[in-house]
C-alpha atoms as a PDB file:
ATOM      1  CA  MET A   1     -30.044 -13.522  78.288  1.00  0.00           C
ATOM      2  CA  ILE A   2     -29.374 -13.491  74.564  1.00  0.00           C
ATOM      3  CA  ASN A   3     -31.783 -15.584  72.496  1.00  0.00           C
ATOM      4  CA  PHE A   4     -30.644 -16.655  69.030  1.00  0.00           C
ATOM      5  CA  LYS A   5     -33.319 -16.941  66.356  1.00  0.00           C
ATOM      6  CA  ILE A   6     -31.143 -17.832  63.372  1.00  0.00           C
ATOM      7  CA  HIS A   7     -32.627 -21.336  63.265  1.00  0.00           C
ATOM      8  CA  ILE A   8     -36.142 -19.891  63.007  1.00  0.00           C
ATOM      9  CA  ARG A   9     -35.275 -17.639  60.057  1.00  0.00           C
ATOM     10  CA  MET A  10     -33.450 -20.503  58.352  1.00  0.00           C
ATOM     11  CA  ALA A  11     -36.511 -22.741  58.731  1.00  0.00           C
ATOM     12  CA  GLU A  12     -38.791 -20.025  57.341  1.00  0.00           C
ATOM     13  CA  LYS A  13     -36.530 -19.670  54.288  1.00  0.00           C
ATOM     14  CA  ARG A  14     -35.884 -23.451  54.097  1.00  0.00           C
ATOM     15  CA  ILE A  15     -32.130 -22.984  54.150  1.00  0.00           C
ATOM     16  CA  SER A  16     -29.911 -25.818  55.349  1.00  0.00           C
ATOM     17  CA  GLN A  17     -27.011 -25.412  57.750  1.00  0.00           C
ATOM     18  CA  LYS A  18     -24.675 -26.610  55.011  1.00  0.00           C
ATOM     19  CA  SER A  19     -25.753 -24.010  52.453  1.00  0.00           C
ATOM     20  CA  ALA A  20     -25.761 -21.268  55.097  1.00  0.00           C
ATOM     21  CA  SER A  21     -22.250 -22.152  56.256  1.00  0.00           C
ATOM     22  CA  GLN A  22     -21.001 -22.081  52.653  1.00  0.00           C
ATOM     23  CA  PHE A  23     -22.617 -18.689  51.985  1.00  0.00           C
ATOM     24  CA  VAL A  24     -21.310 -17.154  55.217  1.00  0.00           C
ATOM     25  CA  GLY A  25     -17.877 -18.779  54.834  1.00  0.00           C
ATOM     26  CA  ILE A  26     -17.765 -20.637  58.145  1.00  0.00           C
ATOM     27  CA  THR A  27     -17.180 -24.253  59.085  1.00  0.00           C
ATOM     28  CA  PRO A  28     -20.116 -26.572  59.767  1.00  0.00           C
ATOM     29  CA  THR A  29     -19.082 -26.662  63.434  1.00  0.00           C
ATOM     30  CA  VAL A  30     -19.330 -22.876  63.775  1.00  0.00           C
ATOM     31  CA  MET A  31     -22.616 -22.931  61.847  1.00  0.00           C
ATOM     32  CA  GLY A  32     -23.968 -25.463  64.341  1.00  0.00           C
ATOM     33  CA  LYS A  33     -23.038 -23.153  67.197  1.00  0.00           C
ATOM     34  CA  TYR A  34     -24.911 -20.248  65.601  1.00  0.00           C
ATOM     35  CA  PHE A  35     -27.859 -22.535  64.826  1.00  0.00           C
ATOM     36  CA  HIS A  36     -28.116 -23.932  68.368  1.00  0.00           C
ATOM     37  CA  GLY A  37     -27.319 -20.636  70.094  1.00  0.00           C
ATOM     38  CA  THR A  38     -24.119 -21.847  71.739  1.00  0.00           C
ATOM     39  CA  ILE A  39     -21.754 -19.453  69.937  1.00  0.00           C
ATOM     40  CA  THR A  40     -19.680 -17.426  72.398  1.00  0.00           C
ATOM     41  CA  ARG A  41     -18.109 -14.867  70.042  1.00  0.00           C
ATOM     42  CA  MET A  42     -20.097 -13.433  67.177  1.00  0.00           C
ATOM     43  CA  ASN A  43     -18.206 -12.092  64.210  1.00  0.00           C
ATOM     44  CA  PRO A  44     -19.926  -8.956  62.803  1.00  0.00           C
ATOM     45  CA  ALA A  45     -19.022 -10.056  59.258  1.00  0.00           C
ATOM     46  CA  HIS A  46     -20.825 -13.362  59.841  1.00  0.00           C
ATOM     47  CA  LEU A  47     -23.910 -11.582  61.149  1.00  0.00           C
ATOM     48  CA  GLU A  48     -23.917  -9.288  58.123  1.00  0.00           C
ATOM     49  CA  LYS A  49     -23.801 -12.281  55.776  1.00  0.00           C
ATOM     50  CA  PHE A  50     -26.585 -14.031  57.710  1.00  0.00           C
ATOM     51  CA  CYS A  51     -28.711 -10.898  57.303  1.00  0.00           C
ATOM     52  CA  LYS A  52     -28.034 -10.840  53.552  1.00  0.00           C
ATOM     53  CA  LEU A  53     -28.757 -14.545  53.173  1.00  0.00           C
ATOM     54  CA  LEU A  54     -31.948 -14.455  55.229  1.00  0.00           C
ATOM     55  CA  ASP A  55     -33.063 -11.005  54.006  1.00  0.00           C
ATOM     56  CA  CYS A  56     -33.558  -9.671  57.522  1.00  0.00           C
ATOM     57  CA  ASN A  57     -32.227  -7.280  60.170  1.00  0.00           C
ATOM     58  CA  ILE A  58     -29.953  -8.192  63.063  1.00  0.00           C
ATOM     59  CA  GLN A  59     -32.940  -7.908  65.438  1.00  0.00           C
ATOM     60  CA  ASP A  60     -34.537 -10.810  63.567  1.00  0.00           C
ATOM     61  CA  LEU A  61     -31.553 -13.019  64.426  1.00  0.00           C
ATOM     62  CA  ILE A  62     -30.739 -12.036  68.012  1.00  0.00           C
ATOM     63  CA  GLU A  63     -33.029 -11.032  70.872  1.00  0.00           C
ATOM     64  CA  TYR A  64     -32.143  -9.650  74.299  1.00  0.00           C
ATOM     65  CA  ILE A  65     -34.347 -10.847  77.143  1.00  0.00           C
ATOM     66  CA  PRO A  66     -33.800  -8.968  80.431  1.00  0.00           C
ATOM     67  CA  ASP A  67     -33.238 -11.128  83.514  1.00  0.00           C
ATOM     68  CA  GLU A  68     -36.446  -9.763  85.117  1.00  0.00           C
ATOM     69  CA  GLU A  69     -38.545 -11.322  82.354  1.00  0.00           C
ATOM     70  CA  LEU A  70     -36.842 -14.675  82.847  1.00  0.00           C
ATOM     71  CA  SER A  71     -37.583 -14.722  86.575  1.00  0.00           C
ATOM     72  CA  LYS A  72     -41.288 -13.897  85.952  1.00  0.00           C
ATOM     73  CA  ASN A  73     -41.752 -17.047  83.852  1.00  0.00           C
END
């Protein structure tokens, strides 16, 4: 499973979805999908801009959780 943590970094930096979408150059609808983790296709250019905006690495935005760990919980 892929776990999105963009919303956590945005909260830490106190950045709104509106200002993030303007910086990244995406619509509010697409921003909402990144924020809620429902995006199905990630654009590398968007991820790069998120990293610049949030001053972080890609690993801070996206986490891979193996299926074995999910079944243990």
